[in-house]
Amino acid sequence: MFRILTVKDTVRVGPEKLGKGLKEALMESISEKYVGISDKTIGIVLAVVDIKEIGEGKVKPTDPGIHFETVFELLTYKPELHELVEGEVIDNTDFGAFVNIGPFDGLVHISQIMDDYVSYDKKTSTFIGKQTRKTLKIGDKVRARITSVSWGEQVRIGLTMRQAGLGNFVWIEEEKKKKRK
């Protein structure tokens, strides 16, 4: 889930940034410090949205930079259990499909792709349903539900597409057409 977090912190603006406007220099310094940080309590920091307050700058005797007490907003993304996500299949392997869901990639295990016996064609890197003949290939747009999130050196996200309204958007549209008839 995407969130805007308000943070209060002392931000150091290095001497190399002092020729810029204060807000621009602070935005750069905050971005360098926070963007890309991944933490299981807040998720991953994607961007600095805005600076709300800038306090008076202070200089320390041993540091040529200026330190500003600053209140700012960060855009974060934290995958939540049971959250619906949309993404693109970026890789298929014999054990499942990797789906890019923005800042992270998730894995749909082969057993969670569809309610059908699924086989994997290595030559075309495609999953095929035995009875339904539904396919899932690289580049397909999908909707999935997050079933597990594991924070460590890498964030591991488990996904399922075995529920109504989930899966390849082509399948979802086919189901809608069947229901209309």
N, C-alpha and C. Protein backbone atom coordinates (compact mmCIF):
# COMPACT_ATOMS: atom_id res chain seq x y z
N MET A 1 0.84 -1.16 0.00
CA MET A 1 0.00 0.00 0.00
C MET A 1 0.90 1.24 0.00
N PHE A 2 0.54 2.19 -0.85
CA PHE A 2 1.29 3.44 -0.91
C PHE A 2 0.82 4.35 0.22
N ARG A 3 1.78 5.05 0.80
CA ARG A 3 1.47 5.96 1.90
C ARG A 3 2.34 7.21 1.79
N ILE A 4 1.83 8.30 2.35
CA ILE A 4 2.63 9.51 2.52
C ILE A 4 2.93 9.60 4.01
N LEU A 5 4.22 9.60 4.36
CA LEU A 5 4.64 9.71 5.76
C LEU A 5 5.21 11.10 6.02
N THR A 6 4.84 11.67 7.14
CA THR A 6 5.43 12.94 7.56
C THR A 6 6.56 12.63 8.53
N VAL A 7 7.72 13.18 8.24
CA VAL A 7 8.93 12.89 9.03
C VAL A 7 9.54 14.20 9.49
N LYS A 8 10.03 14.20 10.73
CA LYS A 8 10.79 15.34 11.26
C LYS A 8 12.20 14.85 11.52
N ASP A 9 13.17 15.55 10.93
CA ASP A 9 14.55 15.10 11.08
C ASP A 9 15.48 16.30 10.87
N THR A 10 16.68 16.17 11.38
CA THR A 10 17.71 17.16 11.11
C THR A 10 18.44 16.72 9.85
N VAL A 11 18.43 17.59 8.86
CA VAL A 11 18.99 17.25 7.55
C VAL A 11 20.23 18.10 7.30
N ARG A 12 21.30 17.42 6.91
CA ARG A 12 22.56 18.10 6.62
C ARG A 12 22.61 18.47 5.15
N VAL A 13 22.90 19.74 4.88
CA VAL A 13 23.12 20.21 3.51
C VAL A 13 24.61 20.46 3.38
N GLY A 14 25.26 19.68 2.52
CA GLY A 14 26.70 19.79 2.33
C GLY A 14 27.10 21.07 1.62
N PRO A 15 28.36 21.46 1.76
CA PRO A 15 28.83 22.71 1.17
C PRO A 15 28.70 22.73 -0.36
N GLU A 16 28.75 21.57 -0.99
CA GLU A 16 28.63 21.50 -2.45
C GLU A 16 27.23 21.89 -2.94
N LYS A 17 26.25 21.90 -2.05
CA LYS A 17 24.87 22.24 -2.42
C LYS A 17 24.49 23.67 -2.02
N LEU A 18 25.39 24.39 -1.40
CA LEU A 18 25.04 25.70 -0.86
C LEU A 18 24.80 26.76 -1.94
N GLY A 19 25.19 26.51 -3.16
CA GLY A 19 24.95 27.46 -4.25
C GLY A 19 23.53 27.37 -4.80
N LYS A 20 22.81 26.33 -4.43
CA LYS A 20 21.43 26.14 -4.90
C LYS A 20 20.47 26.81 -3.95
N GLY A 21 19.21 26.85 -4.36
CA GLY A 21 18.18 27.35 -3.46
C GLY A 21 18.06 26.41 -2.28
N LEU A 22 17.62 26.93 -1.13
CA LEU A 22 17.56 26.13 0.09
C LEU A 22 16.64 24.92 -0.05
N LYS A 23 15.45 25.13 -0.60
CA LYS A 23 14.48 24.02 -0.72
C LYS A 23 15.02 22.93 -1.65
N GLU A 24 15.63 23.34 -2.78
CA GLU A 24 16.20 22.38 -3.72
C GLU A 24 17.34 21.60 -3.07
N ALA A 25 18.21 22.29 -2.34
CA ALA A 25 19.33 21.63 -1.66
C ALA A 25 18.82 20.64 -0.60
N LEU A 26 17.79 21.05 0.15
CA LEU A 26 17.21 20.16 1.15
C LEU A 26 16.55 18.94 0.50
N MET A 27 15.82 19.16 -0.60
CA MET A 27 15.18 18.03 -1.31
C MET A 27 16.25 17.01 -1.74
N GLU A 28 17.34 17.49 -2.30
CA GLU A 28 18.44 16.60 -2.71
C GLU A 28 19.01 15.84 -1.52
N SER A 29 19.27 16.56 -0.44
CA SER A 29 19.87 15.93 0.75
C SER A 29 18.93 14.90 1.37
N ILE A 30 17.65 15.22 1.44
CA ILE A 30 16.67 14.27 1.99
C ILE A 30 16.58 13.04 1.09
N SER A 31 16.54 13.27 -0.24
CA SER A 31 16.47 12.15 -1.19
C SER A 31 17.68 11.22 -1.03
N GLU A 32 18.86 11.80 -0.94
CA GLU A 32 20.07 11.00 -0.78
C GLU A 32 20.03 10.16 0.50
N LYS A 33 19.45 10.73 1.55
CA LYS A 33 19.42 10.06 2.84
C LYS A 33 18.33 8.98 2.92
N TYR A 34 17.17 9.23 2.30
CA TYR A 34 16.01 8.36 2.52
C TYR A 34 15.58 7.48 1.34
N VAL A 35 15.63 8.00 0.12
CA VAL A 35 15.08 7.26 -1.02
C VAL A 35 15.84 5.95 -1.22
N GLY A 36 15.08 4.86 -1.31
CA GLY A 36 15.66 3.53 -1.49
C GLY A 36 15.80 2.74 -0.20
N ILE A 37 15.63 3.41 0.93
CA ILE A 37 15.70 2.70 2.21
C ILE A 37 14.51 1.77 2.31
N SER A 38 14.77 0.54 2.72
CA SER A 38 13.73 -0.46 2.87
C SER A 38 13.67 -0.90 4.33
N ASP A 39 12.48 -0.84 4.91
CA ASP A 39 12.29 -1.17 6.31
C ASP A 39 10.94 -1.85 6.46
N LYS A 40 10.87 -2.90 7.27
CA LYS A 40 9.62 -3.64 7.36
C LYS A 40 8.49 -2.88 8.05
N THR A 41 8.80 -1.81 8.77
CA THR A 41 7.73 -1.06 9.41
C THR A 41 7.12 0.00 8.49
N ILE A 42 7.92 0.58 7.59
CA ILE A 42 7.38 1.60 6.69
C ILE A 42 7.37 1.17 5.22
N GLY A 43 8.09 0.13 4.87
CA GLY A 43 8.20 -0.30 3.48
C GLY A 43 9.44 0.29 2.84
N ILE A 44 9.32 0.62 1.57
CA ILE A 44 10.45 1.22 0.85
C ILE A 44 10.11 2.68 0.55
N VAL A 45 11.09 3.55 0.74
CA VAL A 45 10.90 4.97 0.46
C VAL A 45 11.14 5.18 -1.03
N LEU A 46 10.12 5.74 -1.70
CA LEU A 46 10.19 5.93 -3.15
C LEU A 46 10.59 7.34 -3.56
N ALA A 47 10.11 8.34 -2.80
CA ALA A 47 10.39 9.74 -3.19
C ALA A 47 10.12 10.69 -2.04
N VAL A 48 10.73 11.86 -2.16
CA VAL A 48 10.42 12.97 -1.25
C VAL A 48 9.30 13.76 -1.94
N VAL A 49 8.18 13.91 -1.25
CA VAL A 49 7.02 14.57 -1.85
C VAL A 49 7.08 16.08 -1.66
N ASP A 50 7.32 16.51 -0.44
CA ASP A 50 7.29 17.95 -0.16
C ASP A 50 8.02 18.24 1.14
N ILE A 51 8.47 19.46 1.26
CA ILE A 51 9.05 19.93 2.52
C ILE A 51 8.02 20.87 3.14
N LYS A 52 7.63 20.58 4.38
CA LYS A 52 6.58 21.36 5.06
C LYS A 52 7.15 22.48 5.92
N GLU A 53 8.25 22.21 6.62
CA GLU A 53 8.85 23.21 7.51
C GLU A 53 10.37 23.13 7.43
N ILE A 54 10.99 24.27 7.46
CA ILE A 54 12.45 24.34 7.49
C ILE A 54 12.83 25.22 8.68
N GLY A 55 13.56 24.62 9.61
CA GLY A 55 14.02 25.38 10.77
C GLY A 55 15.27 26.18 10.45
N GLU A 56 15.76 26.85 11.46
CA GLU A 56 16.96 27.66 11.30
C GLU A 56 18.17 26.74 11.12
N GLY A 57 19.06 27.10 10.21
CA GLY A 57 20.25 26.30 9.96
C GLY A 57 21.28 26.46 11.07
N LYS A 58 21.95 25.36 11.41
CA LYS A 58 22.98 25.40 12.43
C LYS A 58 24.27 24.83 11.87
N VAL A 59 25.37 25.45 12.25
CA VAL A 59 26.68 25.01 11.81
C VAL A 59 27.40 24.38 12.99
N LYS A 60 28.03 23.24 12.73
CA LYS A 60 28.82 22.58 13.78
C LYS A 60 30.29 22.88 13.51
N PRO A 61 31.08 23.04 14.56
CA PRO A 61 32.49 23.43 14.39
C PRO A 61 33.31 22.47 13.53
N THR A 62 32.98 21.19 13.55
CA THR A 62 33.79 20.21 12.81
C THR A 62 33.18 19.81 11.48
N ASP A 63 32.08 20.47 11.06
CA ASP A 63 31.37 20.06 9.84
C ASP A 63 31.09 21.29 8.98
N PRO A 64 31.54 21.29 7.72
CA PRO A 64 31.29 22.46 6.86
C PRO A 64 29.85 22.55 6.34
N GLY A 65 29.03 21.54 6.59
CA GLY A 65 27.64 21.57 6.16
C GLY A 65 26.77 22.35 7.14
N ILE A 66 25.54 22.61 6.71
CA ILE A 66 24.56 23.29 7.57
C ILE A 66 23.45 22.29 7.88
N HIS A 67 23.03 22.25 9.13
CA HIS A 67 22.03 21.29 9.60
C HIS A 67 20.71 22.02 9.85
N PHE A 68 19.64 21.51 9.20
CA PHE A 68 18.32 22.14 9.31
C PHE A 68 17.34 21.16 9.93
N GLU A 69 16.62 21.60 10.96
CA GLU A 69 15.51 20.83 11.52
C GLU A 69 14.39 20.97 10.47
N THR A 70 13.97 19.84 9.91
CA THR A 70 13.06 19.88 8.77
C THR A 70 11.90 18.91 8.95
N VAL A 71 10.71 19.31 8.52
CA VAL A 71 9.54 18.44 8.46
C VAL A 71 9.23 18.24 6.98
N PHE A 72 9.15 16.97 6.56
CA PHE A 72 8.95 16.68 5.14
C PHE A 72 8.09 15.42 4.98
N GLU A 73 7.61 15.23 3.75
CA GLU A 73 6.76 14.08 3.45
C GLU A 73 7.48 13.13 2.49
N LEU A 74 7.34 11.83 2.78
CA LEU A 74 7.93 10.79 1.95
C LEU A 74 6.83 9.90 1.38
N LEU A 75 7.00 9.50 0.13
CA LEU A 75 6.12 8.52 -0.48
C LEU A 75 6.74 7.15 -0.26
N THR A 76 5.97 6.23 0.37
CA THR A 76 6.47 4.89 0.64
C THR A 76 5.51 3.85 0.08
N TYR A 77 6.03 2.65 -0.11
CA TYR A 77 5.18 1.52 -0.50
C TYR A 77 5.52 0.35 0.42
N LYS A 78 4.49 -0.18 1.05
CA LYS A 78 4.66 -1.35 1.90
C LYS A 78 3.63 -2.40 1.48
N PRO A 79 4.09 -3.54 0.96
CA PRO A 79 3.14 -4.58 0.56
C PRO A 79 2.44 -5.15 1.80
N GLU A 80 1.11 -5.24 1.73
CA GLU A 80 0.30 -5.72 2.85
C GLU A 80 -0.34 -7.06 2.49
N LEU A 81 -0.45 -7.94 3.47
CA LEU A 81 -1.14 -9.21 3.24
C LEU A 81 -2.55 -8.96 2.75
N HIS A 82 -2.98 -9.75 1.79
CA HIS A 82 -4.33 -9.72 1.19
C HIS A 82 -4.56 -8.51 0.29
N GLU A 83 -3.56 -7.68 0.09
CA GLU A 83 -3.70 -6.52 -0.79
C GLU A 83 -3.80 -6.99 -2.25
N LEU A 84 -4.69 -6.37 -3.01
CA LEU A 84 -4.78 -6.64 -4.44
C LEU A 84 -3.75 -5.78 -5.15
N VAL A 85 -3.01 -6.39 -6.07
CA VAL A 85 -1.98 -5.66 -6.81
C VAL A 85 -2.12 -5.99 -8.29
N GLU A 86 -1.69 -5.06 -9.10
CA GLU A 86 -1.67 -5.27 -10.54
C GLU A 86 -0.24 -5.11 -11.01
N GLY A 87 0.14 -5.92 -11.99
CA GLY A 87 1.50 -5.84 -12.48
C GLY A 87 1.66 -6.57 -13.79
N GLU A 88 2.91 -6.74 -14.16
CA GLU A 88 3.25 -7.38 -15.43
C GLU A 88 4.16 -8.57 -15.16
N VAL A 89 3.89 -9.67 -15.87
CA VAL A 89 4.73 -10.85 -15.76
C VAL A 89 6.07 -10.52 -16.40
N ILE A 90 7.15 -10.64 -15.63
CA ILE A 90 8.48 -10.29 -16.15
C ILE A 90 9.35 -11.51 -16.39
N ASP A 91 8.98 -12.66 -15.79
CA ASP A 91 9.75 -13.89 -16.01
C ASP A 91 8.90 -15.09 -15.62
N ASN A 92 9.01 -16.14 -16.40
CA ASN A 92 8.37 -17.42 -16.07
C ASN A 92 9.45 -18.48 -15.93
N THR A 93 9.36 -19.28 -14.88
CA THR A 93 10.27 -20.39 -14.66
C THR A 93 9.44 -21.63 -14.42
N ASP A 94 10.07 -22.77 -14.31
CA ASP A 94 9.31 -24.01 -14.13
C ASP A 94 8.58 -24.06 -12.79
N PHE A 95 8.91 -23.17 -11.85
CA PHE A 95 8.24 -23.20 -10.55
C PHE A 95 7.25 -22.05 -10.35
N GLY A 96 7.20 -21.08 -11.28
CA GLY A 96 6.24 -20.00 -11.12
C GLY A 96 6.54 -18.78 -11.97
N ALA A 97 5.69 -17.77 -11.82
CA ALA A 97 5.80 -16.53 -12.59
C ALA A 97 6.20 -15.37 -11.67
N PHE A 98 7.16 -14.58 -12.13
CA PHE A 98 7.55 -13.38 -11.40
C PHE A 98 6.79 -12.20 -11.98
N VAL A 99 6.16 -11.43 -11.08
CA VAL A 99 5.32 -10.30 -11.49
C VAL A 99 5.88 -9.03 -10.87
N ASN A 100 6.11 -8.02 -11.72
CA ASN A 100 6.55 -6.72 -11.22
C ASN A 100 5.33 -5.96 -10.73
N ILE A 101 5.34 -5.60 -9.45
CA ILE A 101 4.22 -4.86 -8.86
C ILE A 101 4.68 -3.48 -8.38
N GLY A 102 5.48 -2.84 -9.19
CA GLY A 102 5.99 -1.51 -8.85
C GLY A 102 7.39 -1.60 -8.31
N PRO A 103 7.60 -1.20 -7.06
CA PRO A 103 8.97 -1.21 -6.53
C PRO A 103 9.48 -2.61 -6.20
N PHE A 104 8.62 -3.62 -6.22
CA PHE A 104 9.01 -4.98 -5.89
C PHE A 104 8.53 -5.95 -6.97
N ASP A 105 9.12 -7.15 -6.94
CA ASP A 105 8.64 -8.25 -7.76
C ASP A 105 8.08 -9.30 -6.82
N GLY A 106 6.99 -9.93 -7.23
CA GLY A 106 6.38 -10.99 -6.44
C GLY A 106 6.41 -12.28 -7.23
N LEU A 107 6.25 -13.41 -6.54
CA LEU A 107 6.25 -14.72 -7.17
C LEU A 107 4.87 -15.36 -7.04
N VAL A 108 4.32 -15.77 -8.19
CA VAL A 108 3.11 -16.58 -8.21
C VAL A 108 3.58 -18.01 -8.44
N HIS A 109 3.55 -18.83 -7.38
CA HIS A 109 3.96 -20.23 -7.51
C HIS A 109 3.06 -20.90 -8.53
N ILE A 110 3.59 -21.88 -9.25
CA ILE A 110 2.84 -22.58 -10.29
C ILE A 110 1.49 -23.10 -9.77
N SER A 111 1.44 -23.48 -8.51
CA SER A 111 0.19 -23.99 -7.93
C SER A 111 -0.84 -22.88 -7.68
N GLN A 112 -0.40 -21.62 -7.76
CA GLN A 112 -1.27 -20.48 -7.49
C GLN A 112 -1.64 -19.67 -8.74
N ILE A 113 -1.29 -20.19 -9.91
CA ILE A 113 -1.55 -19.45 -11.15
C ILE A 113 -3.02 -19.49 -11.54
N MET A 114 -3.63 -20.67 -11.50
CA MET A 114 -5.05 -20.78 -11.88
C MET A 114 -5.63 -22.06 -11.30
N ASP A 115 -6.97 -22.15 -11.31
CA ASP A 115 -7.67 -23.35 -10.84
C ASP A 115 -7.75 -24.36 -11.97
N ASP A 116 -6.64 -24.93 -12.34
CA ASP A 116 -6.54 -25.90 -13.42
C ASP A 116 -5.16 -26.55 -13.27
N TYR A 117 -5.00 -27.71 -13.86
CA TYR A 117 -3.67 -28.32 -13.91
C TYR A 117 -2.84 -27.46 -14.86
N VAL A 118 -1.67 -27.00 -14.42
CA VAL A 118 -0.85 -26.08 -15.20
C VAL A 118 0.43 -26.77 -15.63
N SER A 119 0.74 -26.66 -16.91
CA SER A 119 2.03 -27.16 -17.39
C SER A 119 2.85 -25.96 -17.87
N TYR A 120 4.16 -26.18 -17.91
CA TYR A 120 5.09 -25.12 -18.29
C TYR A 120 5.80 -25.51 -19.57
N ASP A 121 5.71 -24.65 -20.57
CA ASP A 121 6.41 -24.86 -21.85
C ASP A 121 7.71 -24.05 -21.81
N LYS A 122 8.84 -24.76 -21.68
CA LYS A 122 10.14 -24.08 -21.56
C LYS A 122 10.51 -23.31 -22.83
N LYS A 123 10.14 -23.83 -23.99
CA LYS A 123 10.51 -23.17 -25.25
C LYS A 123 9.90 -21.78 -25.37
N THR A 124 8.64 -21.65 -24.99
CA THR A 124 7.96 -20.35 -25.12
C THR A 124 7.86 -19.62 -23.79
N SER A 125 8.33 -20.24 -22.71
CA SER A 125 8.26 -19.67 -21.37
C SER A 125 6.82 -19.29 -21.02
N THR A 126 5.91 -20.26 -21.24
CA THR A 126 4.48 -20.02 -21.06
C THR A 126 3.86 -21.09 -20.18
N PHE A 127 2.94 -20.66 -19.31
CA PHE A 127 2.14 -21.60 -18.54
C PHE A 127 0.83 -21.83 -19.29
N ILE A 128 0.37 -23.08 -19.31
CA ILE A 128 -0.84 -23.44 -20.04
C ILE A 128 -1.73 -24.28 -19.14
N GLY A 129 -3.01 -23.88 -19.04
CA GLY A 129 -4.00 -24.65 -18.28
C GLY A 129 -4.45 -25.85 -19.10
N LYS A 130 -4.48 -27.03 -18.49
CA LYS A 130 -4.80 -28.26 -19.22
C LYS A 130 -6.22 -28.24 -19.79
N GLN A 131 -7.21 -27.92 -18.96
CA GLN A 131 -8.60 -27.94 -19.43
C GLN A 131 -9.03 -26.60 -20.03
N THR A 132 -8.65 -25.51 -19.40
CA THR A 132 -9.11 -24.19 -19.85
C THR A 132 -8.33 -23.66 -21.04
N ARG A 133 -7.12 -24.16 -21.24
CA ARG A 133 -6.19 -23.69 -22.29
C ARG A 133 -5.79 -22.22 -22.09
N LYS A 134 -6.01 -21.71 -20.89
CA LYS A 134 -5.56 -20.35 -20.57
C LYS A 134 -4.04 -20.34 -20.56
N THR A 135 -3.45 -19.23 -20.98
CA THR A 135 -1.99 -19.11 -21.00
C THR A 135 -1.55 -17.91 -20.17
N LEU A 136 -0.33 -18.01 -19.69
CA LEU A 136 0.31 -16.91 -18.98
C LEU A 136 1.74 -16.82 -19.49
N LYS A 137 2.05 -15.67 -20.10
CA LYS A 137 3.38 -15.50 -20.68
C LYS A 137 4.00 -14.18 -20.25
N ILE A 138 5.27 -14.02 -20.51
CA ILE A 138 5.98 -12.79 -20.17
C ILE A 138 5.31 -11.62 -20.90
N GLY A 139 5.08 -10.53 -20.17
CA GLY A 139 4.46 -9.35 -20.74
C GLY A 139 2.97 -9.25 -20.43
N ASP A 140 2.35 -10.36 -19.98
CA ASP A 140 0.93 -10.32 -19.64
C ASP A 140 0.69 -9.43 -18.43
N LYS A 141 -0.39 -8.68 -18.48
CA LYS A 141 -0.81 -7.85 -17.34
C LYS A 141 -1.73 -8.70 -16.47
N VAL A 142 -1.50 -8.66 -15.15
CA VAL A 142 -2.24 -9.53 -14.23
C VAL A 142 -2.69 -8.77 -12.99
N ARG A 143 -3.68 -9.35 -12.32
CA ARG A 143 -4.12 -8.89 -11.00
C ARG A 143 -3.92 -10.07 -10.07
N ALA A 144 -3.33 -9.81 -8.90
CA ALA A 144 -3.04 -10.88 -7.93
C ALA A 144 -3.31 -10.37 -6.52
N ARG A 145 -3.29 -11.30 -5.59
CA ARG A 145 -3.45 -10.98 -4.17
C ARG A 145 -2.17 -11.39 -3.46
N ILE A 146 -1.69 -10.52 -2.55
CA ILE A 146 -0.49 -10.83 -1.78
C ILE A 146 -0.85 -11.84 -0.70
N THR A 147 -0.10 -12.95 -0.66
CA THR A 147 -0.35 -14.00 0.33
C THR A 147 0.75 -14.09 1.38
N SER A 148 1.92 -13.55 1.07
CA SER A 148 3.01 -13.57 2.06
C SER A 148 4.00 -12.46 1.75
N VAL A 149 4.59 -11.92 2.81
CA VAL A 149 5.64 -10.91 2.68
C VAL A 149 6.73 -11.27 3.68
N SER A 150 7.95 -11.38 3.19
CA SER A 150 9.08 -11.72 4.05
C SER A 150 10.16 -10.66 3.87
N TRP A 151 10.48 -9.97 4.96
CA TRP A 151 11.50 -8.92 4.94
C TRP A 151 12.82 -9.51 5.37
N GLY A 152 13.85 -9.32 4.58
CA GLY A 152 15.20 -9.77 4.89
C GLY A 152 16.15 -8.97 4.03
N GLU A 153 17.24 -9.60 3.59
CA GLU A 153 18.14 -8.92 2.66
C GLU A 153 17.39 -8.52 1.41
N GLN A 154 16.48 -9.41 1.00
CA GLN A 154 15.58 -9.12 -0.11
C GLN A 154 14.15 -9.24 0.41
N VAL A 155 13.26 -8.46 -0.15
CA VAL A 155 11.84 -8.58 0.20
C VAL A 155 11.26 -9.65 -0.72
N ARG A 156 10.65 -10.68 -0.11
CA ARG A 156 10.04 -11.75 -0.88
C ARG A 156 8.53 -11.65 -0.73
N ILE A 157 7.85 -11.60 -1.87
CA ILE A 157 6.40 -11.44 -1.87
C ILE A 157 5.78 -12.63 -2.60
N GLY A 158 4.88 -13.32 -1.90
CA GLY A 158 4.13 -14.43 -2.50
C GLY A 158 2.79 -13.92 -2.98
N LEU A 159 2.38 -14.37 -4.16
CA LEU A 159 1.13 -13.93 -4.76
C LEU A 159 0.27 -15.13 -5.14
N THR A 160 -1.04 -14.90 -5.25
CA THR A 160 -1.95 -15.90 -5.79
C THR A 160 -2.83 -15.25 -6.84
N MET A 161 -3.24 -16.07 -7.82
CA MET A 161 -4.19 -15.62 -8.83
C MET A 161 -5.35 -16.62 -8.91
N ARG A 162 -5.52 -17.44 -7.86
CA ARG A 162 -6.54 -18.50 -7.87
C ARG A 162 -7.84 -18.09 -7.20
N GLN A 163 -8.24 -16.87 -7.35
CA GLN A 163 -9.50 -16.41 -6.79
C GLN A 163 -10.27 -15.66 -7.87
N ALA A 164 -11.57 -15.55 -7.69
CA ALA A 164 -12.40 -14.84 -8.66
C ALA A 164 -11.91 -13.41 -8.84
N GLY A 165 -11.85 -12.96 -10.08
CA GLY A 165 -11.43 -11.59 -10.37
C GLY A 165 -9.93 -11.41 -10.44
N LEU A 166 -9.18 -12.50 -10.27
CA LEU A 166 -7.71 -12.42 -10.32
C LEU A 166 -7.20 -13.16 -11.54
N GLY A 167 -5.94 -12.87 -11.92
CA GLY A 167 -5.29 -13.56 -13.02
C GLY A 167 -4.97 -12.61 -14.15
N ASN A 168 -4.73 -13.20 -15.29
CA ASN A 168 -4.43 -12.45 -16.50
C ASN A 168 -5.65 -11.59 -16.85
N PHE A 169 -5.45 -10.33 -17.22
CA PHE A 169 -6.58 -9.46 -17.54
C PHE A 169 -7.41 -10.03 -18.71
N VAL A 170 -6.79 -10.78 -19.59
CA VAL A 170 -7.51 -11.42 -20.70
C VAL A 170 -8.52 -12.42 -20.12
N TRP A 171 -8.10 -13.21 -19.11
CA TRP A 171 -9.02 -14.18 -18.48
C TRP A 171 -10.17 -13.46 -17.78
N ILE A 172 -9.84 -12.38 -17.10
CA ILE A 172 -10.85 -11.63 -16.34
C ILE A 172 -11.92 -11.09 -17.30
N GLU A 173 -11.48 -10.55 -18.44
CA GLU A 173 -12.43 -10.02 -19.43
C GLU A 173 -13.28 -11.14 -20.02
N GLU A 174 -12.68 -12.31 -20.27
CA GLU A 174 -13.44 -13.45 -20.79
C GLU A 174 -14.52 -13.88 -19.80
N GLU A 175 -14.19 -13.88 -18.51
CA GLU A 175 -15.17 -14.24 -17.48
C GLU A 175 -16.31 -13.23 -17.43
N LYS A 176 -15.97 -11.95 -17.57
CA LYS A 176 -17.02 -10.91 -17.56
C LYS A 176 -17.97 -11.10 -18.74
N LYS A 177 -17.42 -11.42 -19.93
CA LYS A 177 -18.26 -11.63 -21.11
C LYS A 177 -19.18 -12.83 -20.91
N LYS A 178 -18.67 -13.91 -20.31
CA LYS A 178 -19.50 -15.10 -20.06
C LYS A 178 -20.66 -14.77 -19.13
N LYS A 179 -20.39 -13.97 -18.10
CA LYS A 179 -21.43 -13.61 -17.14
C LYS A 179 -22.49 -12.71 -17.75
N ARG A 180 -22.11 -11.86 -18.71
CA ARG A 180 -23.07 -10.97 -19.37
C ARG A 180 -24.04 -11.76 -20.24
N LYS A 181 -23.57 -12.88 -20.82
CA LYS A 181 -24.41 -13.69 -21.71
C LYS A 181 -25.33 -14.51 -20.91
